[in-house]
């Protein structure tokens, strides 16, 4: 699990771990907030680095299951496999 991070101007940065986010909040380096129901942190000072990795989203719309993946080169942020709706054909 990762926590989204933004700078003072709400520019998105790379996500961080929950333990690091807690440490930033306790030390006053970051302020917690919710954006569309997701817990995020806003840095109160200039970040040490602004290295941003490209993040790709993959969607596999299968007939029985659907797959969703959000991944960068170093981490897999989200990997979901959901059952597709198959009862529509029977109800029509």
Protein backbone atom coordinates (compact mmCIF):
# COMPACT_ATOMS: atom_id res chain seq x y z
CA UNK A 1 0.00 0.00 0.00
CA UNK A 2 1.24 3.48 -0.87
CA UNK A 3 0.20 7.00 0.11
CA UNK A 4 -0.05 9.68 -2.63
CA UNK A 5 2.19 12.71 -2.10
CA UNK A 6 1.81 16.26 -3.44
CA UNK A 7 4.02 19.33 -2.99
CA UNK A 8 2.94 22.78 -1.74
CA UNK A 9 1.41 23.60 -5.16
CA UNK A 10 -0.55 20.31 -5.29
CA UNK A 11 1.80 18.94 -7.97
CA UNK A 12 1.79 15.11 -7.69
CA UNK A 13 5.01 13.39 -6.63
CA UNK A 14 5.84 9.71 -6.28
CA UNK A 15 3.82 7.84 -3.62
CA UNK A 16 5.42 6.86 -0.33
CA UNK A 17 4.95 4.16 2.29
CA UNK A 18 2.46 4.70 5.15
CA UNK A 19 5.22 4.56 7.79
CA UNK A 20 7.21 7.31 6.07
CA UNK A 21 4.04 9.41 5.68
CA UNK A 22 3.30 9.02 9.41
CA UNK A 23 6.83 10.15 10.24
CA UNK A 24 6.47 13.23 8.01
CA UNK A 25 3.15 14.12 9.68
CA UNK A 26 4.54 13.71 13.23
CA UNK A 27 7.61 15.81 12.45
CA UNK A 28 5.56 18.53 10.73
CA UNK A 29 7.09 17.99 7.28
CA UNK A 30 3.69 17.06 5.80
CA UNK A 31 -0.01 17.71 6.30
CA UNK A 32 -2.59 14.92 5.86
CA UNK A 33 -5.72 15.42 3.74
CA UNK A 34 -8.31 13.40 1.86
CA UNK A 35 -8.88 13.78 -1.88
CA UNK A 36 -11.96 11.99 -3.24
CA UNK A 37 -11.88 9.62 -0.27
CA UNK A 38 -8.17 8.73 -0.63
CA UNK A 39 -5.73 9.59 2.18
CA UNK A 40 -2.89 11.82 0.89
CA UNK A 41 -0.09 13.95 2.31
CA UNK A 42 0.99 17.46 1.27
CA UNK A 43 4.63 18.36 1.88
CA UNK A 44 5.13 21.58 3.86
CA UNK A 45 8.68 22.04 2.58
CA UNK A 46 10.48 21.63 -0.72
CA UNK A 47 11.00 17.92 -1.56
CA UNK A 48 14.55 16.58 -1.53
CA UNK A 49 14.14 15.18 -5.06
CA UNK A 50 11.62 15.51 -7.85
CA UNK A 51 12.41 12.24 -9.60
CA UNK A 52 9.20 10.91 -11.12
CA UNK A 53 8.90 7.47 -12.69
CA UNK A 54 6.46 6.85 -15.51
CA UNK A 55 3.42 4.91 -14.29
CA UNK A 56 1.44 2.70 -16.67
CA UNK A 57 -2.12 1.41 -16.40
CA UNK A 58 -3.04 -1.93 -17.96
CA UNK A 59 -6.60 -3.15 -18.50
CA UNK A 60 -7.50 -6.66 -19.65
CA UNK A 61 -11.24 -6.86 -20.45
CA UNK A 62 -11.74 -10.61 -20.48
CA UNK A 63 -15.02 -12.48 -20.90
CA UNK A 64 -15.03 -14.14 -17.45
CA UNK A 65 -12.65 -11.87 -15.48
CA UNK A 66 -11.30 -8.36 -15.88
CA UNK A 67 -7.77 -7.41 -14.86
CA UNK A 68 -6.44 -3.98 -13.86
CA UNK A 69 -2.81 -3.14 -13.07
CA UNK A 70 -1.07 0.12 -12.15
CA UNK A 71 2.70 -0.29 -12.30
CA UNK A 72 5.93 1.67 -12.46
CA UNK A 73 9.36 0.26 -13.19
CA UNK A 74 10.08 -0.38 -9.51
CA UNK A 75 6.65 -1.14 -7.94
CA UNK A 76 3.24 -2.58 -8.64
CA UNK A 77 0.79 -0.14 -7.05
CA UNK A 78 -2.45 -1.95 -7.88
CA UNK A 79 -3.27 -5.39 -9.24
CA UNK A 80 -6.97 -6.36 -9.32
CA UNK A 81 -8.80 -9.26 -10.87
CA UNK A 82 -12.59 -8.88 -10.87
CA UNK A 83 -15.37 -11.12 -12.12
CA UNK A 84 -17.07 -9.72 -15.20
CA UNK A 85 -20.84 -9.39 -15.28
CA UNK A 86 -22.21 -12.49 -16.98
CA UNK A 87 -25.87 -12.41 -15.97
CA UNK A 88 -26.98 -9.73 -18.47
CA UNK A 89 -27.39 -12.17 -21.36
CA UNK A 90 -29.74 -14.35 -19.27
CA UNK A 91 -31.92 -11.40 -18.20
CA UNK A 92 -32.38 -9.86 -21.66
